[in-house]
């Protein structure tokens, strides 16, 4: 079974026992959290090639007020993401600026997807 959850303004496709990296959450390490599933379905068989489309059972979409499933996750760790370089340059003037950025992230371990 899989579910699509939303946190930090992004959506993630998760299954039980998955580990995902999300925007920093204000929760201590080891704490359990629950998310409302936006979408649920059975496992998909992914095909390859020009005419192969993923086959799955009809997914169950949720109404915004009534979640179809609840996803339980545990906070594994907080860490900094990989370094991204922001580089600006203007031609002919010698103007260059180089700046690095590392995003604060939280790693979550998906424990269960429970249908309501």
N, C-alpha and C. Protein backbone atom coordinates (compact mmCIF):
# COMPACT_ATOMS: atom_id res chain seq x y z
N UNK A 1 0.84 -1.17 0.00
CA UNK A 1 0.00 0.00 0.00
C UNK A 1 0.89 1.24 0.00
N UNK A 2 0.42 2.29 -0.65
CA UNK A 2 1.15 3.55 -0.65
C UNK A 2 0.20 4.68 -0.31
N UNK A 3 0.77 5.80 0.05
CA UNK A 3 -0.03 6.99 0.34
C UNK A 3 0.76 8.21 -0.09
N UNK A 4 0.05 9.30 -0.35
CA UNK A 4 0.69 10.57 -0.65
C UNK A 4 0.37 11.50 0.51
N UNK A 5 1.43 12.04 1.13
CA UNK A 5 1.25 12.95 2.26
C UNK A 5 1.82 14.31 1.90
N UNK A 6 1.44 15.31 2.68
CA UNK A 6 1.94 16.67 2.44
C UNK A 6 2.54 17.22 3.72
N UNK A 7 3.76 17.76 3.62
CA UNK A 7 4.41 18.43 4.73
C UNK A 7 5.41 19.42 4.17
N UNK A 8 5.52 20.56 4.79
CA UNK A 8 6.47 21.57 4.33
C UNK A 8 6.14 22.13 2.96
N UNK A 9 4.88 22.09 2.55
CA UNK A 9 4.48 22.61 1.25
C UNK A 9 4.82 21.69 0.09
N UNK A 10 5.25 20.46 0.39
CA UNK A 10 5.60 19.50 -0.66
C UNK A 10 4.81 18.21 -0.42
N UNK A 11 4.65 17.43 -1.48
CA UNK A 11 3.95 16.15 -1.36
C UNK A 11 4.94 15.02 -1.56
N UNK A 12 4.76 13.94 -0.79
CA UNK A 12 5.67 12.80 -0.82
C UNK A 12 4.88 11.51 -1.00
N UNK A 13 5.37 10.63 -1.86
CA UNK A 13 4.79 9.31 -2.10
C UNK A 13 5.50 8.36 -1.14
N UNK A 14 4.77 7.75 -0.19
CA UNK A 14 5.39 6.93 0.84
C UNK A 14 4.73 5.56 0.93
N UNK A 15 5.51 4.60 1.41
CA UNK A 15 5.05 3.25 1.71
C UNK A 15 5.58 2.90 3.10
N UNK A 16 5.00 1.90 3.77
CA UNK A 16 5.56 1.50 5.06
C UNK A 16 7.02 1.09 4.93
N UNK A 17 7.81 1.42 5.93
CA UNK A 17 9.24 1.15 6.04
C UNK A 17 10.09 2.05 5.15
N UNK A 18 9.49 3.05 4.48
CA UNK A 18 10.27 4.02 3.70
C UNK A 18 10.92 5.02 4.64
N UNK A 19 12.02 5.61 4.18
CA UNK A 19 12.67 6.71 4.87
C UNK A 19 12.66 7.90 3.93
N UNK A 20 12.13 9.04 4.40
CA UNK A 20 12.05 10.22 3.55
C UNK A 20 12.72 11.40 4.25
N UNK A 21 13.17 12.36 3.44
CA UNK A 21 13.78 13.58 3.95
C UNK A 21 12.83 14.73 3.64
N UNK A 22 12.41 15.45 4.68
CA UNK A 22 11.45 16.54 4.53
C UNK A 22 12.06 17.82 5.12
N UNK A 23 11.37 18.95 4.88
CA UNK A 23 11.79 20.21 5.48
C UNK A 23 11.83 20.05 7.00
N UNK A 24 12.64 20.86 7.67
CA UNK A 24 12.83 20.76 9.11
C UNK A 24 11.50 20.82 9.86
N UNK A 25 11.29 19.83 10.74
CA UNK A 25 10.10 19.78 11.58
C UNK A 25 10.51 20.05 13.02
N UNK A 26 9.69 20.76 13.74
CA UNK A 26 9.99 21.13 15.12
C UNK A 26 9.54 20.02 16.08
N UNK A 27 10.12 18.84 15.92
CA UNK A 27 9.81 17.69 16.76
C UNK A 27 11.13 17.06 17.21
N UNK A 28 11.20 16.54 18.44
CA UNK A 28 12.44 15.90 18.89
C UNK A 28 12.64 14.54 18.22
N UNK A 29 13.89 14.10 18.19
CA UNK A 29 14.23 12.80 17.60
C UNK A 29 13.54 11.70 18.41
N UNK A 30 12.95 10.75 17.71
CA UNK A 30 12.27 9.64 18.35
C UNK A 30 10.77 9.83 18.51
N UNK A 31 10.28 11.05 18.31
CA UNK A 31 8.85 11.30 18.47
C UNK A 31 8.08 10.78 17.26
N UNK A 32 6.89 10.26 17.52
CA UNK A 32 6.03 9.77 16.44
C UNK A 32 5.09 10.88 16.00
N UNK A 33 4.82 10.92 14.69
CA UNK A 33 3.94 11.92 14.11
C UNK A 33 2.92 11.22 13.24
N UNK A 34 1.83 11.90 12.97
CA UNK A 34 0.86 11.34 12.03
C UNK A 34 0.50 12.39 10.99
N UNK A 35 0.29 11.94 9.77
CA UNK A 35 -0.05 12.80 8.65
C UNK A 35 -1.36 12.31 8.04
N UNK A 36 -2.13 13.24 7.50
CA UNK A 36 -3.35 12.89 6.78
C UNK A 36 -2.94 12.51 5.36
N UNK A 37 -3.41 11.36 4.89
CA UNK A 37 -3.09 10.93 3.52
C UNK A 37 -3.98 11.68 2.54
N UNK A 38 -3.37 12.27 1.52
CA UNK A 38 -4.13 12.94 0.47
C UNK A 38 -4.67 11.94 -0.53
N UNK A 39 -3.98 10.79 -0.65
CA UNK A 39 -4.30 9.80 -1.67
C UNK A 39 -3.75 8.47 -1.19
N UNK A 40 -4.47 7.38 -1.42
CA UNK A 40 -3.96 6.06 -1.08
C UNK A 40 -4.22 5.10 -2.23
N UNK A 41 -3.50 3.99 -2.23
CA UNK A 41 -3.69 2.98 -3.27
C UNK A 41 -2.86 1.76 -2.97
N UNK A 42 -3.03 0.75 -3.81
CA UNK A 42 -2.25 -0.47 -3.67
C UNK A 42 -0.93 -0.30 -4.40
N UNK A 43 0.00 -1.21 -4.15
CA UNK A 43 1.31 -1.14 -4.80
C UNK A 43 1.17 -1.20 -6.31
N UNK A 44 2.04 -0.50 -6.99
CA UNK A 44 1.98 -0.44 -8.45
C UNK A 44 3.05 -1.33 -9.06
N UNK A 45 2.75 -1.90 -10.20
CA UNK A 45 3.74 -2.62 -10.98
C UNK A 45 4.21 -1.67 -12.06
N UNK A 46 5.47 -1.29 -11.97
CA UNK A 46 5.99 -0.31 -12.92
C UNK A 46 6.54 -1.05 -14.12
N UNK A 47 6.07 -0.69 -15.31
CA UNK A 47 6.56 -1.28 -16.53
C UNK A 47 7.52 -0.33 -17.23
N UNK A 48 8.29 -0.86 -18.14
CA UNK A 48 9.24 -0.04 -18.88
C UNK A 48 8.94 -0.15 -20.36
N UNK A 49 9.24 0.87 -21.09
CA UNK A 49 9.03 0.84 -22.52
C UNK A 49 8.04 1.89 -22.95
N UNK A 50 7.88 1.98 -24.26
CA UNK A 50 7.06 3.03 -24.85
C UNK A 50 5.58 2.88 -24.51
N UNK A 51 5.06 1.66 -24.57
CA UNK A 51 3.63 1.46 -24.41
C UNK A 51 3.24 0.90 -23.04
N UNK A 52 4.16 0.86 -22.10
CA UNK A 52 3.81 0.30 -20.81
C UNK A 52 3.44 1.42 -19.85
N UNK A 53 2.28 1.29 -19.27
CA UNK A 53 1.81 2.27 -18.29
C UNK A 53 1.73 1.57 -16.94
N UNK A 54 1.96 2.30 -15.86
CA UNK A 54 1.84 1.67 -14.55
C UNK A 54 0.42 1.15 -14.34
N UNK A 55 0.32 -0.06 -13.80
CA UNK A 55 -1.00 -0.62 -13.54
C UNK A 55 -1.20 -0.68 -12.03
N UNK A 56 -2.34 -0.27 -11.58
CA UNK A 56 -2.64 -0.28 -10.15
C UNK A 56 -4.15 -0.35 -9.98
N UNK A 57 -4.55 -0.72 -8.79
CA UNK A 57 -5.98 -0.67 -8.52
C UNK A 57 -6.39 0.80 -8.44
N UNK A 58 -7.66 1.04 -8.58
CA UNK A 58 -8.13 2.43 -8.57
C UNK A 58 -7.80 3.07 -7.23
N UNK A 59 -7.02 4.15 -7.24
CA UNK A 59 -6.66 4.79 -5.98
C UNK A 59 -7.88 5.44 -5.34
N UNK A 60 -7.82 5.55 -4.04
CA UNK A 60 -8.92 6.15 -3.29
C UNK A 60 -8.54 7.58 -2.95
N UNK A 61 -9.19 8.54 -3.57
CA UNK A 61 -8.90 9.94 -3.28
C UNK A 61 -9.66 10.36 -2.04
N UNK A 62 -9.07 11.25 -1.28
CA UNK A 62 -9.73 11.69 -0.05
C UNK A 62 -10.36 13.05 -0.24
N UNK A 63 -11.41 13.27 0.49
CA UNK A 63 -12.01 14.59 0.56
C UNK A 63 -11.13 15.41 1.50
N UNK A 64 -11.04 16.71 1.30
CA UNK A 64 -10.17 17.55 2.12
C UNK A 64 -10.58 17.53 3.59
N UNK A 65 -11.85 17.26 3.87
CA UNK A 65 -12.30 17.27 5.26
C UNK A 65 -12.26 15.89 5.90
N UNK A 66 -12.21 14.83 5.11
CA UNK A 66 -12.25 13.49 5.66
C UNK A 66 -11.08 12.67 5.10
N UNK A 67 -10.04 12.44 5.89
CA UNK A 67 -8.91 11.68 5.38
C UNK A 67 -9.25 10.21 5.20
N UNK A 68 -8.74 9.62 4.14
CA UNK A 68 -8.95 8.21 3.86
C UNK A 68 -8.04 7.36 4.74
N UNK A 69 -6.83 7.85 5.00
CA UNK A 69 -5.87 7.09 5.77
C UNK A 69 -5.02 8.02 6.62
N UNK A 70 -4.40 7.43 7.63
CA UNK A 70 -3.48 8.16 8.49
C UNK A 70 -2.12 7.49 8.37
N UNK A 71 -1.09 8.28 8.13
CA UNK A 71 0.27 7.77 7.99
C UNK A 71 1.03 8.10 9.27
N UNK A 72 1.61 7.08 9.89
CA UNK A 72 2.38 7.26 11.12
C UNK A 72 3.86 7.20 10.78
N UNK A 73 4.62 8.18 11.29
CA UNK A 73 6.05 8.24 11.02
C UNK A 73 6.80 8.58 12.30
N UNK A 74 8.08 8.23 12.33
CA UNK A 74 8.93 8.54 13.48
C UNK A 74 10.10 9.39 13.02
N UNK A 75 10.44 10.41 13.82
CA UNK A 75 11.57 11.29 13.50
C UNK A 75 12.85 10.53 13.78
N UNK A 76 13.70 10.37 12.76
CA UNK A 76 14.95 9.63 12.90
C UNK A 76 16.09 10.57 13.27
N UNK A 77 16.21 11.70 12.53
CA UNK A 77 17.30 12.64 12.80
C UNK A 77 17.02 13.97 12.11
N UNK A 78 17.74 14.99 12.58
CA UNK A 78 17.75 16.31 11.95
C UNK A 78 19.15 16.49 11.39
N UNK A 79 19.26 17.03 10.18
CA UNK A 79 20.58 17.19 9.57
C UNK A 79 20.55 18.30 8.53
N UNK A 80 21.73 18.65 8.04
CA UNK A 80 21.87 19.63 6.97
C UNK A 80 21.96 18.91 5.64
N UNK A 81 21.25 19.41 4.65
CA UNK A 81 21.30 18.83 3.31
C UNK A 81 22.62 19.13 2.62
N UNK A 82 22.75 18.66 1.40
CA UNK A 82 23.99 18.90 0.67
C UNK A 82 24.13 20.37 0.32
N UNK A 83 25.35 20.81 0.13
CA UNK A 83 25.61 22.22 -0.13
C UNK A 83 25.26 22.59 -1.57
N UNK A 84 24.52 23.68 -1.70
CA UNK A 84 24.20 24.23 -3.01
C UNK A 84 24.97 25.53 -3.17
N UNK A 85 25.50 25.76 -4.35
CA UNK A 85 26.26 26.97 -4.63
C UNK A 85 25.40 27.92 -5.44
N UNK A 86 25.29 29.16 -4.97
CA UNK A 86 24.59 30.21 -5.69
C UNK A 86 25.67 31.13 -6.24
N UNK A 87 25.74 31.26 -7.56
CA UNK A 87 26.81 32.05 -8.19
C UNK A 87 26.20 33.10 -9.09
N UNK A 88 26.60 34.36 -8.88
CA UNK A 88 26.14 35.47 -9.71
C UNK A 88 27.34 36.06 -10.42
N UNK A 89 27.14 36.48 -11.66
CA UNK A 89 28.22 37.11 -12.42
C UNK A 89 27.62 38.11 -13.38
N UNK A 90 28.26 39.27 -13.47
CA UNK A 90 27.86 40.26 -14.47
C UNK A 90 29.03 40.43 -15.43
N UNK A 91 28.75 40.38 -16.71
CA UNK A 91 29.85 40.46 -17.67
C UNK A 91 30.50 41.84 -17.71
N UNK A 92 31.76 41.85 -18.06
CA UNK A 92 32.56 43.05 -18.34
C UNK A 92 32.91 43.89 -17.12
N UNK A 93 32.31 43.64 -15.97
CA UNK A 93 32.59 44.49 -14.82
C UNK A 93 33.44 43.79 -13.77
N UNK A 94 33.59 42.48 -13.89
CA UNK A 94 34.35 41.73 -12.89
C UNK A 94 33.53 41.41 -11.65
N UNK A 95 32.22 41.66 -11.69
CA UNK A 95 31.37 41.43 -10.54
C UNK A 95 31.01 39.95 -10.44
N UNK A 96 31.43 39.32 -9.36
CA UNK A 96 31.04 37.93 -9.09
C UNK A 96 30.71 37.79 -7.61
N UNK A 97 29.75 36.97 -7.32
CA UNK A 97 29.39 36.64 -5.95
C UNK A 97 29.14 35.14 -5.88
N UNK A 98 29.69 34.52 -4.84
CA UNK A 98 29.52 33.08 -4.64
C UNK A 98 29.02 32.88 -3.22
N UNK A 99 27.93 32.15 -3.10
CA UNK A 99 27.34 31.92 -1.79
C UNK A 99 26.87 30.48 -1.71
N UNK A 100 27.05 29.86 -0.56
CA UNK A 100 26.60 28.49 -0.36
C UNK A 100 25.35 28.45 0.51
N UNK A 101 24.60 27.36 0.38
CA UNK A 101 23.39 27.18 1.19
C UNK A 101 23.23 25.70 1.51
N UNK A 102 22.92 25.41 2.78
CA UNK A 102 22.60 24.04 3.21
C UNK A 102 21.26 24.07 3.93
N UNK A 103 20.30 23.34 3.41
CA UNK A 103 18.94 23.34 3.95
C UNK A 103 18.85 22.46 5.19
N UNK A 104 18.13 22.90 6.21
CA UNK A 104 17.85 22.08 7.38
C UNK A 104 16.77 21.06 7.02
N UNK A 105 17.05 19.78 7.25
CA UNK A 105 16.13 18.71 6.88
C UNK A 105 15.86 17.80 8.07
N UNK A 106 14.78 17.06 8.00
CA UNK A 106 14.42 16.05 8.98
C UNK A 106 14.20 14.74 8.25
N UNK A 107 14.74 13.66 8.81
CA UNK A 107 14.55 12.33 8.22
C UNK A 107 13.44 11.62 8.99
N UNK A 108 12.46 11.11 8.24
CA UNK A 108 11.33 10.40 8.83
C UNK A 108 11.31 8.95 8.36
N UNK A 109 10.97 8.05 9.27
CA UNK A 109 10.78 6.63 8.93
C UNK A 109 9.28 6.36 8.99
N UNK A 110 8.72 5.95 7.85
CA UNK A 110 7.29 5.67 7.77
C UNK A 110 7.03 4.31 8.42
N UNK A 111 6.17 4.29 9.42
CA UNK A 111 5.92 3.06 10.16
C UNK A 111 4.67 2.32 9.68
N UNK A 112 3.58 3.06 9.45
CA UNK A 112 2.33 2.39 9.07
C UNK A 112 1.42 3.33 8.31
N UNK A 113 0.57 2.73 7.48
CA UNK A 113 -0.51 3.45 6.80
C UNK A 113 -1.79 2.75 7.23
N UNK A 114 -2.63 3.48 7.97
CA UNK A 114 -3.85 2.89 8.51
C UNK A 114 -5.06 3.50 7.83
N UNK A 115 -5.89 2.66 7.23
CA UNK A 115 -7.12 3.13 6.59
C UNK A 115 -8.15 3.48 7.65
N UNK A 116 -8.88 4.55 7.41
CA UNK A 116 -9.92 4.97 8.37
C UNK A 116 -11.25 4.31 8.04
